[in-house]
């Protein structure tokens, strides 16, 4: 089964992703997925187990690096 996750890490500052965003992106890359960074959110897609693992790592990394909020949507079978 495949999955697609879209997330936004806050606080958001245009043109300056901040350490909380960098940490989130690094975490999904370390989990083996390449994030597609868009203007309103970042998308990762792949095998459902890999996406779940990447999302868990992203949430932990973002929180530890100072994120105040993470908005997340996950679609299975995408």
N, C-alpha and C. Protein backbone atom coordinates (compact mmCIF):
# COMPACT_ATOMS: atom_id res chain seq x y z
N UNK A 1 0.84 -1.17 0.00
CA UNK A 1 0.00 0.00 0.00
C UNK A 1 0.88 1.24 0.00
N UNK A 2 0.46 2.23 -0.74
CA UNK A 2 1.19 3.49 -0.81
C UNK A 2 0.51 4.54 0.08
N UNK A 3 1.27 5.57 0.41
CA UNK A 3 0.74 6.67 1.19
C UNK A 3 1.39 7.96 0.74
N UNK A 4 0.67 9.04 1.02
CA UNK A 4 1.15 10.38 0.70
C UNK A 4 0.87 11.25 1.92
N UNK A 5 1.89 11.94 2.41
CA UNK A 5 1.72 12.83 3.56
C UNK A 5 2.09 14.25 3.14
N UNK A 6 1.26 15.19 3.55
CA UNK A 6 1.54 16.60 3.32
C UNK A 6 1.60 17.28 4.68
N UNK A 7 2.65 18.06 4.90
CA UNK A 7 2.79 18.72 6.20
C UNK A 7 3.31 20.14 6.06
N UNK A 8 2.98 20.93 7.07
CA UNK A 8 3.48 22.30 7.19
C UNK A 8 3.98 22.46 8.63
N UNK A 9 5.19 22.98 8.75
CA UNK A 9 5.81 23.16 10.06
C UNK A 9 5.82 24.65 10.39
N UNK A 10 5.35 24.99 11.57
CA UNK A 10 5.29 26.40 11.98
C UNK A 10 6.16 26.62 13.21
N UNK A 11 6.62 27.82 13.47
CA UNK A 11 6.18 29.06 12.84
C UNK A 11 6.77 29.20 11.43
N UNK A 12 5.99 29.83 10.58
CA UNK A 12 6.36 30.03 9.19
C UNK A 12 6.86 31.46 9.01
N UNK A 13 8.04 31.58 8.43
CA UNK A 13 8.60 32.89 8.09
C UNK A 13 9.04 32.81 6.64
N UNK A 14 8.40 33.60 5.79
CA UNK A 14 8.69 33.58 4.35
C UNK A 14 10.17 33.85 4.09
N UNK A 15 10.79 32.96 3.34
CA UNK A 15 12.18 33.11 2.96
C UNK A 15 13.19 32.65 3.99
N UNK A 16 12.72 32.22 5.17
CA UNK A 16 13.62 31.76 6.22
C UNK A 16 13.00 30.54 6.89
N UNK A 17 13.37 29.34 6.45
CA UNK A 17 12.68 28.16 6.97
C UNK A 17 12.91 27.89 8.45
N UNK A 18 13.98 28.38 9.02
CA UNK A 18 14.23 28.16 10.45
C UNK A 18 14.69 26.74 10.73
N UNK A 19 15.31 26.54 11.90
CA UNK A 19 15.87 25.23 12.24
C UNK A 19 14.81 24.15 12.41
N UNK A 20 13.60 24.52 12.80
CA UNK A 20 12.53 23.54 12.98
C UNK A 20 12.08 22.95 11.64
N UNK A 21 12.09 23.76 10.59
CA UNK A 21 11.73 23.27 9.25
C UNK A 21 12.88 22.44 8.67
N UNK A 22 14.10 22.93 8.82
CA UNK A 22 15.27 22.20 8.32
C UNK A 22 15.35 20.82 8.98
N UNK A 23 15.11 20.78 10.28
CA UNK A 23 15.16 19.50 11.00
C UNK A 23 14.08 18.54 10.49
N UNK A 24 12.89 19.05 10.21
CA UNK A 24 11.81 18.22 9.69
C UNK A 24 12.18 17.64 8.32
N UNK A 25 12.72 18.47 7.46
CA UNK A 25 13.11 18.02 6.12
C UNK A 25 14.26 17.01 6.19
N UNK A 26 15.23 17.28 7.04
CA UNK A 26 16.35 16.34 7.21
C UNK A 26 15.85 14.98 7.72
N UNK A 27 14.87 15.00 8.61
CA UNK A 27 14.35 13.75 9.18
C UNK A 27 13.69 12.89 8.11
N UNK A 28 12.91 13.49 7.22
CA UNK A 28 12.26 12.66 6.19
C UNK A 28 13.30 12.16 5.19
N UNK A 29 14.32 12.95 4.94
CA UNK A 29 15.39 12.48 4.04
C UNK A 29 16.16 11.32 4.67
N UNK A 30 16.44 11.43 5.97
CA UNK A 30 17.13 10.34 6.66
C UNK A 30 16.29 9.07 6.71
N UNK A 31 14.97 9.23 6.65
CA UNK A 31 14.07 8.08 6.63
C UNK A 31 13.96 7.48 5.22
N UNK A 32 14.64 8.09 4.26
CA UNK A 32 14.69 7.52 2.91
C UNK A 32 13.72 8.10 1.92
N UNK A 33 13.04 9.19 2.27
CA UNK A 33 12.10 9.80 1.33
C UNK A 33 12.59 11.20 0.95
N UNK A 34 12.31 11.60 -0.27
CA UNK A 34 12.70 12.94 -0.72
C UNK A 34 11.49 13.84 -0.67
N UNK A 35 11.54 14.91 0.12
CA UNK A 35 10.39 15.80 0.23
C UNK A 35 10.23 16.67 -1.01
N UNK A 36 8.99 16.89 -1.40
CA UNK A 36 8.64 17.82 -2.47
C UNK A 36 8.15 19.08 -1.77
N UNK A 37 8.99 20.10 -1.75
CA UNK A 37 8.70 21.31 -0.98
C UNK A 37 7.92 22.28 -1.85
N UNK A 38 6.72 22.61 -1.40
CA UNK A 38 5.86 23.53 -2.12
C UNK A 38 5.60 24.79 -1.32
N UNK A 39 4.89 25.75 -1.92
CA UNK A 39 4.65 27.02 -1.24
C UNK A 39 3.70 26.92 -0.05
N UNK A 40 2.87 25.88 -0.02
CA UNK A 40 1.88 25.76 1.05
C UNK A 40 2.05 24.51 1.89
N UNK A 41 3.01 23.67 1.54
CA UNK A 41 3.25 22.46 2.30
C UNK A 41 4.31 21.61 1.63
N UNK A 42 4.74 20.61 2.35
CA UNK A 42 5.74 19.67 1.86
C UNK A 42 5.10 18.31 1.76
N UNK A 43 5.40 17.59 0.66
CA UNK A 43 4.79 16.29 0.41
C UNK A 43 5.88 15.22 0.37
N UNK A 44 5.60 14.08 1.01
CA UNK A 44 6.41 12.88 0.86
C UNK A 44 5.46 11.76 0.48
N UNK A 45 5.93 10.87 -0.36
CA UNK A 45 5.09 9.76 -0.81
C UNK A 45 5.95 8.52 -0.97
N UNK A 46 5.28 7.37 -0.82
CA UNK A 46 5.98 6.11 -0.98
C UNK A 46 5.20 4.99 -0.32
N UNK A 47 5.90 3.92 -0.03
CA UNK A 47 5.31 2.80 0.69
C UNK A 47 4.75 3.32 2.01
N UNK A 48 3.56 2.86 2.39
CA UNK A 48 2.89 3.38 3.59
C UNK A 48 3.75 3.25 4.84
N UNK A 49 4.43 2.14 5.01
CA UNK A 49 5.27 1.96 6.19
C UNK A 49 6.40 2.99 6.21
N UNK A 50 6.99 3.26 5.07
CA UNK A 50 8.08 4.24 4.99
C UNK A 50 7.57 5.64 5.27
N UNK A 51 6.39 5.97 4.78
CA UNK A 51 5.82 7.29 5.01
C UNK A 51 5.50 7.46 6.50
N UNK A 52 4.92 6.45 7.11
CA UNK A 52 4.61 6.53 8.55
C UNK A 52 5.88 6.72 9.36
N UNK A 53 6.92 5.98 9.04
CA UNK A 53 8.20 6.12 9.74
C UNK A 53 8.78 7.52 9.55
N UNK A 54 8.72 8.03 8.32
CA UNK A 54 9.25 9.36 8.03
C UNK A 54 8.46 10.44 8.77
N UNK A 55 7.14 10.30 8.82
CA UNK A 55 6.30 11.28 9.51
C UNK A 55 6.59 11.28 11.01
N UNK A 56 6.75 10.12 11.60
CA UNK A 56 7.07 10.04 13.02
C UNK A 56 8.41 10.73 13.31
N UNK A 57 9.40 10.47 12.48
CA UNK A 57 10.71 11.09 12.65
C UNK A 57 10.63 12.60 12.44
N UNK A 58 9.84 13.03 11.46
CA UNK A 58 9.68 14.45 11.17
C UNK A 58 9.04 15.17 12.35
N UNK A 59 8.00 14.59 12.93
CA UNK A 59 7.32 15.21 14.07
C UNK A 59 8.27 15.38 15.25
N UNK A 60 9.02 14.35 15.56
CA UNK A 60 9.96 14.42 16.68
C UNK A 60 11.04 15.46 16.42
N UNK A 61 11.60 15.46 15.23
CA UNK A 61 12.68 16.39 14.91
C UNK A 61 12.19 17.84 14.92
N UNK A 62 11.03 18.07 14.35
CA UNK A 62 10.47 19.43 14.31
C UNK A 62 10.21 19.94 15.72
N UNK A 63 9.63 19.11 16.56
CA UNK A 63 9.34 19.52 17.94
C UNK A 63 10.61 19.86 18.70
N UNK A 64 11.61 19.00 18.58
CA UNK A 64 12.87 19.23 19.29
C UNK A 64 13.61 20.47 18.80
N UNK A 65 13.36 20.86 17.54
CA UNK A 65 14.04 22.03 16.97
C UNK A 65 13.23 23.31 17.13
N UNK A 66 12.10 23.26 17.83
CA UNK A 66 11.37 24.48 18.14
C UNK A 66 10.08 24.72 17.40
N UNK A 67 9.56 23.73 16.70
CA UNK A 67 8.27 23.92 16.02
C UNK A 67 7.17 24.17 17.04
N UNK A 68 6.26 25.06 16.69
CA UNK A 68 5.12 25.34 17.56
C UNK A 68 3.86 24.62 17.09
N UNK A 69 3.87 24.17 15.84
CA UNK A 69 2.71 23.48 15.28
C UNK A 69 3.14 22.75 14.02
N UNK A 70 2.57 21.56 13.81
CA UNK A 70 2.75 20.84 12.55
C UNK A 70 1.36 20.44 12.08
N UNK A 71 1.00 20.89 10.89
CA UNK A 71 -0.25 20.49 10.26
C UNK A 71 0.07 19.31 9.35
N UNK A 72 -0.72 18.27 9.43
CA UNK A 72 -0.40 17.02 8.73
C UNK A 72 -1.66 16.38 8.17
N UNK A 73 -1.54 15.93 6.95
CA UNK A 73 -2.61 15.16 6.31
C UNK A 73 -1.97 13.95 5.63
N UNK A 74 -2.52 12.77 5.88
CA UNK A 74 -1.98 11.54 5.29
C UNK A 74 -3.08 10.84 4.51
N UNK A 75 -2.77 10.50 3.26
CA UNK A 75 -3.70 9.74 2.42
C UNK A 75 -3.09 8.38 2.14
N UNK A 76 -3.84 7.34 2.43
CA UNK A 76 -3.38 5.97 2.17
C UNK A 76 -3.97 5.51 0.85
N UNK A 77 -3.17 4.75 0.11
CA UNK A 77 -3.59 4.28 -1.20
C UNK A 77 -3.39 5.33 -2.26
N UNK A 78 -2.62 6.37 -1.93
CA UNK A 78 -2.40 7.48 -2.89
C UNK A 78 -1.25 7.17 -3.83
